Amino acid sequence: MRVRGAGCAAVLLMLVAGCGGTGDSGSGQRGEGGSGGGNRQPSASGVDGTADPAKVFTGAELGAALLPPEAVGKDAKALELYLGLFDQHSGGGDWSACAAGREARGELWRMRGASADRTFRPDPAATGEDDPFVYERLVSMPAARAGRYLELRRELHEACGRVTVDTDGAPVEEHHEVRPLPDLGDEAVLETTRTTGGDEYDGSAHYEVELRVGGVLVIVGAGTDRDLTLSSAAEAARRVGKDLYGAS
């Protein structure tokens, strides 16, 4: 069951499994719609230039700034809250077979920060593997390091756009794309992963937004639902700005 953050359990297993989706291009450019068409992308302000770039937060402070269930859906259910140390032993697929991304991946794995994460179910009665969910993780670092994290994520996706992964059956291919989201936080990207090959992988897209508000990394995914991923990420970014940085 994808409960603990689609980070490891929810998002990652879905990314590797390559479930669902509509073959959307995954572009995060302004003015493009998700599955619903030409709607404007959600937006949220950043805090660069007004907030202390060295300020960091505890796991408990991050946990208090996570989305409330009603931000995901009227009757949404919040699953267990997890607090801990972020160590990047997760994140968007199996990169180990991509030699070109080894340096970026090594630096990412050395990054640390207080972390809080939670998974939400828009329909509290739906708990199956393919039922809708939203995963959110907040990570605290100095702003410069959080910016470096996003830079490395972009480098990793660009260097490893296609990765062959061995499975118990036949090898499969992971296809990675990253696009900027200029209207979210201080900087943000939309990551898209598709898995092809074998009998169970159809190349459907999984989406995850990684953004920063000051020194807080906001990582949000809703599996194959691009619109829900984007809208939840924008709401999460606004809440971090307001609750942690006092932004209006």
Protein backbone atom coordinates (compact mmCIF):
# COMPACT_ATOMS: atom_id res chain seq x y z
CA MET A 1 0.00 0.00 0.00
CA ARG A 2 1.30 3.44 -0.89
CA VAL A 3 0.97 5.10 2.42
CA ARG A 4 4.10 6.58 3.77
CA GLY A 5 4.76 9.16 1.38
CA ALA A 6 4.43 8.20 -1.91
CA GLY A 7 7.98 9.48 -1.27
CA CYS A 8 9.29 6.04 -0.83
CA ALA A 9 6.27 3.87 -0.57
CA ALA A 10 3.72 5.78 -2.55
CA VAL A 11 5.29 7.95 -5.19
CA LEU A 12 8.36 5.86 -5.80
CA LEU A 13 6.63 2.54 -6.12
CA MET A 14 4.18 4.14 -8.49
CA LEU A 15 6.94 5.74 -10.49
CA VAL A 16 8.78 2.49 -10.86
CA ALA A 17 5.55 0.67 -11.60
CA GLY A 18 4.49 3.25 -14.17
CA CYS A 19 0.76 2.95 -13.42
CA GLY A 20 -2.05 5.06 -14.91
CA GLY A 21 -1.85 8.31 -16.84
CA THR A 22 -2.83 9.64 -20.24
CA GLY A 23 0.41 10.19 -22.08
CA ASP A 24 0.38 13.93 -21.33
CA SER A 25 3.59 15.72 -22.30
CA GLY A 26 4.30 16.61 -18.68
CA SER A 27 5.14 20.19 -19.61
CA GLY A 28 4.92 22.63 -16.77
CA GLN A 29 4.98 25.72 -18.95
CA ARG A 30 2.65 28.57 -18.12
CA GLY A 31 -0.68 28.50 -19.90
CA GLU A 32 -0.79 24.75 -20.50
CA GLY A 33 -3.56 22.82 -18.88
CA GLY A 34 -3.44 19.37 -17.38
CA SER A 35 -5.93 16.73 -18.31
CA GLY A 36 -8.67 19.33 -18.19
CA GLY A 37 -7.32 21.50 -21.02
CA GLY A 38 -6.09 25.07 -21.24
CA ASN A 39 -6.40 26.19 -17.63
CA ARG A 40 -3.78 28.46 -16.19
CA GLN A 41 -1.29 26.73 -13.95
CA PRO A 42 -1.69 27.22 -10.17
CA SER A 43 0.67 29.76 -8.63
CA ALA A 44 2.22 30.60 -5.25
CA SER A 45 4.61 33.34 -4.17
CA GLY A 46 8.15 32.78 -2.91
CA VAL A 47 10.01 34.52 -0.08
CA ASP A 48 13.47 35.17 -1.55
CA GLY A 49 14.62 38.66 -0.68
CA THR A 50 12.39 38.94 2.38
CA ALA A 51 13.21 35.84 4.45
CA ASP A 52 16.44 34.90 6.25
CA PRO A 53 18.20 32.54 3.79
CA ALA A 54 19.97 30.72 6.65
CA LYS A 55 16.81 29.97 8.63
CA VAL A 56 15.98 26.29 9.18
CA PHE A 57 13.02 24.57 10.81
CA THR A 58 12.52 21.53 13.01
CA GLY A 59 10.62 18.46 11.96
CA ALA A 60 7.77 19.44 14.30
CA GLU A 61 7.54 22.90 12.71
CA LEU A 62 7.47 21.33 9.26
CA GLY A 63 4.81 18.86 10.34
CA ALA A 64 2.57 21.68 11.51
CA ALA A 65 2.91 23.33 8.09
CA LEU A 66 1.79 20.30 6.08
CA LEU A 67 -1.49 20.56 4.20
CA PRO A 68 -4.73 20.06 6.13
CA PRO A 69 -6.85 17.23 4.72
CA GLU A 70 -9.53 19.63 3.43
CA ALA A 71 -6.96 21.17 1.06
CA VAL A 72 -6.94 17.85 -0.81
CA GLY A 73 -10.68 17.16 -0.72
CA LYS A 74 -13.78 17.90 1.33
CA ASP A 75 -13.82 14.47 2.95
CA ALA A 76 -10.11 13.69 2.59
CA LYS A 77 -8.32 11.62 5.18
CA ALA A 78 -4.78 12.33 6.42
CA LEU A 79 -2.70 9.23 7.12
CA GLU A 80 0.10 8.95 9.65
CA LEU A 81 2.57 11.83 10.00
CA TYR A 82 6.26 10.93 9.72
CA LEU A 83 9.07 13.11 11.07
CA GLY A 84 12.72 12.35 10.48
CA LEU A 85 15.92 13.15 8.65
CA PHE A 86 15.76 13.61 4.90
CA ASP A 87 18.63 11.72 3.25
CA GLN A 88 17.49 11.45 -0.41
CA HIS A 89 17.52 7.67 -0.50
CA SER A 90 14.46 8.07 -2.68
CA GLY A 91 13.30 10.15 -5.57
CA GLY A 92 11.88 9.44 -8.96
CA GLY A 93 12.98 6.06 -10.17
CA ASP A 94 16.09 3.90 -10.35
CA TRP A 95 19.04 6.05 -11.42
CA SER A 96 21.79 3.57 -10.59
CA ALA A 97 22.24 2.39 -14.20
CA CYS A 98 22.89 5.93 -15.48
CA ALA A 99 26.60 6.66 -15.31
CA ALA A 100 26.12 10.22 -16.57
CA GLY A 101 24.08 11.09 -13.49
CA ARG A 102 26.32 9.45 -10.91
CA GLU A 103 27.96 12.67 -9.72
CA ALA A 104 24.68 14.54 -9.28
CA ARG A 105 23.08 11.55 -7.59
CA GLY A 106 26.01 11.22 -5.17
CA GLU A 107 25.74 14.87 -4.12
CA LEU A 108 21.99 14.57 -3.68
CA TRP A 109 22.40 11.56 -1.43
CA ARG A 110 24.72 13.52 0.84
CA MET A 111 22.15 16.24 1.50
CA ARG A 112 20.44 16.25 4.89
CA GLY A 113 17.63 18.18 6.49
CA ALA A 114 14.75 17.88 8.95
CA SER A 115 11.74 16.38 7.23
CA ALA A 116 8.01 15.82 7.66
CA ASP A 117 5.76 13.85 5.33
CA ARG A 118 2.23 12.60 5.06
CA THR A 119 -0.10 10.94 2.57
CA PHE A 120 -3.71 12.02 2.05
CA ARG A 121 -6.63 10.12 0.56
CA PRO A 122 -9.20 12.39 -1.15
CA ASP A 123 -11.71 9.54 -0.76
CA PRO A 124 -11.19 8.11 2.75
CA ALA A 125 -12.93 4.87 1.77
CA ALA A 126 -10.56 4.27 -1.15
CA THR A 127 -7.38 2.54 -0.03
CA GLY A 128 -6.35 0.42 -3.00
CA GLU A 129 -3.08 0.66 -4.91
CA ASP A 130 -4.65 2.58 -7.78
CA ASP A 131 -6.95 4.84 -5.75
CA PRO A 132 -6.25 8.61 -5.70
CA PHE A 133 -3.79 9.97 -3.16
CA VAL A 134 -1.65 13.03 -2.51
CA TYR A 135 1.79 12.76 -0.96
CA GLU A 136 3.54 15.77 0.59
CA ARG A 137 7.01 16.08 2.08
CA LEU A 138 8.63 19.22 3.54
CA VAL A 139 12.40 19.40 4.03
CA SER A 140 14.32 22.22 5.72
CA MET A 141 17.75 23.40 4.56
CA PRO A 142 19.47 26.77 4.14
CA ALA A 143 18.06 28.41 1.02
CA ALA A 144 21.29 28.05 -0.98
CA ARG A 145 21.40 24.31 -0.35
CA ALA A 146 17.74 23.91 -1.24
CA GLY A 147 18.45 25.73 -4.49
CA ARG A 148 21.36 23.42 -5.15
CA TYR A 149 19.09 20.44 -4.57
CA LEU A 150 16.75 21.57 -7.34
CA GLU A 151 19.69 22.30 -9.64
CA LEU A 152 20.97 18.76 -9.14
CA ARG A 153 17.53 17.28 -9.75
CA ARG A 154 17.40 19.09 -13.09
CA GLU A 155 20.90 17.87 -13.97
CA LEU A 156 19.98 14.30 -13.08
CA HIS A 157 16.87 14.31 -15.27
CA GLU A 158 18.67 15.90 -18.19
CA ALA A 159 21.60 13.46 -17.97
CA CYS A 160 19.38 10.41 -17.49
CA GLY A 161 16.39 10.99 -19.72
CA ARG A 162 16.21 7.26 -20.44
CA VAL A 163 17.43 4.57 -18.05
CA THR A 164 17.30 0.78 -18.48
CA VAL A 165 16.35 -0.99 -15.27
CA ASP A 166 16.62 -4.73 -14.62
CA THR A 167 13.53 -6.34 -13.10
CA ASP A 168 12.60 -9.88 -12.12
CA GLY A 169 11.19 -10.23 -15.63
CA ALA A 170 12.49 -8.42 -18.68
CA PRO A 171 14.42 -5.13 -18.45
CA VAL A 172 12.26 -2.01 -18.54
CA GLU A 173 13.01 1.58 -19.52
CA GLU A 174 12.34 4.62 -17.35
CA HIS A 175 11.79 7.86 -19.25
CA HIS A 176 12.43 11.05 -17.27
CA GLU A 177 11.48 14.63 -18.08
CA VAL A 178 11.82 17.82 -16.04
CA ARG A 179 10.17 21.16 -16.79
CA PRO A 180 10.28 24.50 -14.95
CA LEU A 181 7.22 25.84 -13.15
CA PRO A 182 7.95 29.57 -13.03
CA ASP A 183 4.86 30.52 -10.99
CA LEU A 184 5.42 28.23 -7.99
CA GLY A 185 7.46 29.37 -4.98
CA ASP A 186 10.97 30.70 -5.46
CA GLU A 187 11.74 28.00 -8.04
CA ALA A 188 10.04 24.78 -9.00
CA VAL A 189 10.10 21.88 -11.44
CA LEU A 190 7.59 19.30 -12.61
CA GLU A 191 9.14 15.85 -12.92
CA THR A 192 7.51 13.26 -15.16
CA THR A 193 8.40 9.57 -15.17
CA ARG A 194 7.13 6.89 -17.55
CA THR A 195 8.07 3.22 -17.52
CA THR A 196 7.88 1.05 -20.64
CA GLY A 197 8.62 -2.61 -21.36
CA GLY A 198 7.35 -5.95 -20.18
CA ASP A 199 3.66 -6.76 -19.84
CA GLU A 200 2.71 -4.42 -17.00
CA TYR A 201 4.34 -1.13 -18.03
CA ASP A 202 2.40 0.99 -20.50
CA GLY A 203 4.40 4.22 -20.46
CA SER A 204 1.79 6.13 -18.49
CA ALA A 205 3.02 9.28 -16.78
CA HIS A 206 3.58 9.86 -13.08
CA TYR A 207 4.04 13.40 -11.83
CA GLU A 208 5.90 15.00 -8.94
CA VAL A 209 6.53 18.67 -8.18
CA GLU A 210 9.69 19.68 -6.37
CA LEU A 211 9.88 23.33 -5.35
CA ARG A 212 11.37 25.55 -2.71
CA VAL A 213 9.97 28.38 -0.65
CA GLY A 214 13.06 29.99 0.87
CA GLY A 215 14.94 27.06 2.35
CA VAL A 216 11.98 24.68 2.57
CA LEU A 217 11.74 22.03 -0.11
CA VAL A 218 8.15 21.12 -0.93
CA ILE A 219 7.78 17.74 -2.65
CA VAL A 220 4.28 16.79 -3.79
CA GLY A 221 3.00 13.95 -5.94
CA ALA A 222 -0.41 12.55 -6.82
CA GLY A 223 0.65 9.68 -9.05
CA THR A 224 -0.92 9.88 -12.50
CA ASP A 225 -3.08 12.92 -11.70
CA ARG A 226 -1.18 15.92 -13.07
CA ASP A 227 -3.82 18.50 -12.14
CA LEU A 228 -4.08 17.28 -8.56
CA THR A 229 -0.28 17.24 -8.27
CA LEU A 230 -0.02 20.86 -9.44
CA SER A 231 -2.91 22.23 -7.40
CA SER A 232 -1.76 20.45 -4.23
CA ALA A 233 1.82 21.68 -4.72
CA ALA A 234 0.61 25.28 -5.09
CA GLU A 235 -1.50 25.04 -1.94
CA ALA A 236 1.41 23.44 -0.06
CA ALA A 237 3.76 26.23 -1.17
CA ARG A 238 1.31 28.94 -0.05
CA ARG A 239 0.91 27.27 3.33
CA VAL A 240 4.70 27.05 3.86
CA GLY A 241 5.10 30.72 2.96
CA LYS A 242 2.38 31.78 5.37
CA ASP A 243 2.91 29.40 8.29
CA LEU A 244 6.71 29.18 8.34
CA TYR A 245 7.80 32.53 6.88
CA GLY A 246 4.85 34.74 7.76
CA ALA A 247 4.20 35.70 4.15
CA SER A 248 0.86 37.30 3.45
